[in-house]
Amino acid sequence: SLTQVKAEESFEPYALMIAAFALDGGASSRMSKELIRNQEVALDIGVYYDAFKRFNGMFVASGIPAGQHTTEDLEKAIWQQLDRLKQEPMPEQELKKIKTQ
């Protein structure tokens, strides 16, 4: 499914860039750890956001379901990770790691 959300505050594009990196910033990212290695619901996962390129404002999450999992299973797992990011404060160590990369 496709959901479009527009940044209304000037800081929001930067928050979305940090969120995208936390979710998909390499092998130690949240999506890789949770959806590929722990839950094994995805073979591959990707999150993209760039406020300064074409189609700015599009926060995109995509993936390939693993094994017997459906695209609906994967979509649900992605939404759970997005909800977790919204509801749980990001640990200072994780934020520091993102800022230095």
Protein backbone atom coordinates (compact mmCIF):
# COMPACT_ATOMS: atom_id res chain seq x y z
CA SER A 1 0.00 0.00 0.00
CA LEU A 2 1.06 3.58 -0.49
CA THR A 3 0.81 6.25 2.17
CA GLN A 4 1.96 9.79 1.51
CA VAL A 5 2.88 12.12 4.32
CA LYS A 6 4.15 15.66 3.78
CA ALA A 7 6.54 17.46 6.10
CA GLU A 8 4.81 20.38 7.71
CA GLU A 9 7.58 21.60 10.01
CA SER A 10 11.04 22.69 8.84
CA PHE A 11 12.81 20.04 10.96
CA GLU A 12 10.78 17.11 9.63
CA PRO A 13 12.87 16.36 6.51
CA TYR A 14 15.94 15.95 8.73
CA ALA A 15 14.04 13.73 11.17
CA LEU A 16 12.94 11.56 8.24
CA MET A 17 16.53 11.28 7.02
CA ILE A 18 17.59 10.07 10.47
CA ALA A 19 14.64 7.67 10.61
CA ALA A 20 15.53 6.20 7.20
CA PHE A 21 19.11 5.66 8.28
CA ALA A 22 18.08 4.07 11.59
CA LEU A 23 15.77 1.69 9.75
CA ASP A 24 18.10 0.84 6.86
CA GLY A 25 21.61 2.09 7.48
CA GLY A 26 23.47 -1.16 6.90
CA ALA A 27 23.66 -4.62 8.45
CA SER A 28 23.20 -3.29 12.00
CA SER A 29 20.10 -1.26 11.13
CA ARG A 30 16.73 -1.95 12.75
CA MET A 31 15.09 -3.44 9.65
CA SER A 32 18.02 -5.74 8.88
CA LYS A 33 18.27 -6.97 12.46
CA GLU A 34 14.55 -7.40 13.07
CA LEU A 35 12.97 -8.32 9.74
CA ILE A 36 15.78 -10.23 8.04
CA ARG A 37 17.68 -11.91 10.89
CA ASN A 38 15.27 -12.11 13.86
CA GLN A 39 11.79 -12.51 12.37
CA GLU A 40 13.03 -13.88 9.01
CA VAL A 41 10.07 -12.25 7.27
CA ALA A 42 12.24 -10.53 4.62
CA LEU A 43 15.04 -11.59 2.27
CA ASP A 44 15.87 -7.96 1.57
CA ILE A 45 14.65 -4.66 2.93
CA GLY A 46 15.23 -1.06 1.96
CA VAL A 47 14.24 2.37 3.21
CA TYR A 48 14.83 5.54 1.22
CA TYR A 49 14.33 9.21 1.94
CA ASP A 50 16.15 12.21 0.49
CA ALA A 51 14.68 15.65 1.01
CA PHE A 52 16.98 17.21 -1.57
CA LYS A 53 16.48 15.09 -4.68
CA ARG A 54 13.75 14.41 -7.15
CA PHE A 55 10.56 13.16 -5.52
CA ASN A 56 11.59 14.81 -2.29
CA GLY A 57 9.21 14.05 0.49
CA MET A 58 8.78 10.41 -0.48
CA PHE A 59 9.70 8.09 2.37
CA VAL A 60 9.90 4.67 0.76
CA ALA A 61 10.15 1.28 2.43
CA SER A 62 10.34 -1.82 0.26
CA GLY A 63 11.33 -5.42 0.64
CA ILE A 64 11.20 -8.98 -0.60
CA PRO A 65 9.28 -11.48 1.56
CA ALA A 66 11.20 -14.52 2.78
CA GLY A 67 10.08 -18.11 2.47
CA GLN A 68 6.38 -18.63 2.98
CA HIS A 69 5.78 -15.03 4.09
CA THR A 70 3.48 -12.87 1.98
CA THR A 71 3.82 -9.24 0.98
CA GLU A 72 1.08 -8.55 3.54
CA ASP A 73 3.20 -10.16 6.27
CA LEU A 74 6.15 -8.02 5.28
CA GLU A 75 4.08 -4.84 5.06
CA LYS A 76 2.71 -5.47 8.56
CA ALA A 77 6.24 -6.02 9.91
CA ILE A 78 7.46 -2.81 8.25
CA TRP A 79 4.57 -0.82 9.78
CA GLN A 80 5.40 -2.32 13.18
CA GLN A 81 8.98 -1.07 12.88
CA LEU A 82 7.78 2.38 11.81
CA ASP A 83 5.37 2.50 14.77
CA ARG A 84 8.14 1.39 17.11
CA LEU A 85 10.36 4.20 15.85
CA LYS A 86 7.56 6.72 16.45
CA GLN A 87 6.73 5.50 19.95
CA GLU A 88 10.11 4.56 21.46
CA PRO A 89 12.80 7.19 21.87
CA MET A 90 15.92 6.44 19.86
CA PRO A 91 18.80 5.49 22.17
CA GLU A 92 21.48 8.18 22.34
CA GLN A 93 24.14 5.71 21.15
CA GLU A 94 22.13 4.90 18.00
CA LEU A 95 21.56 8.59 17.26
CA LYS A 96 25.26 9.35 17.77
CA LYS A 97 26.19 6.55 15.34
CA ILE A 98 23.82 7.95 12.70
CA LYS A 99 25.16 11.50 13.08
CA THR A 100 28.77 10.39 12.57
CA GLN A 101 28.03 8.49 9.36
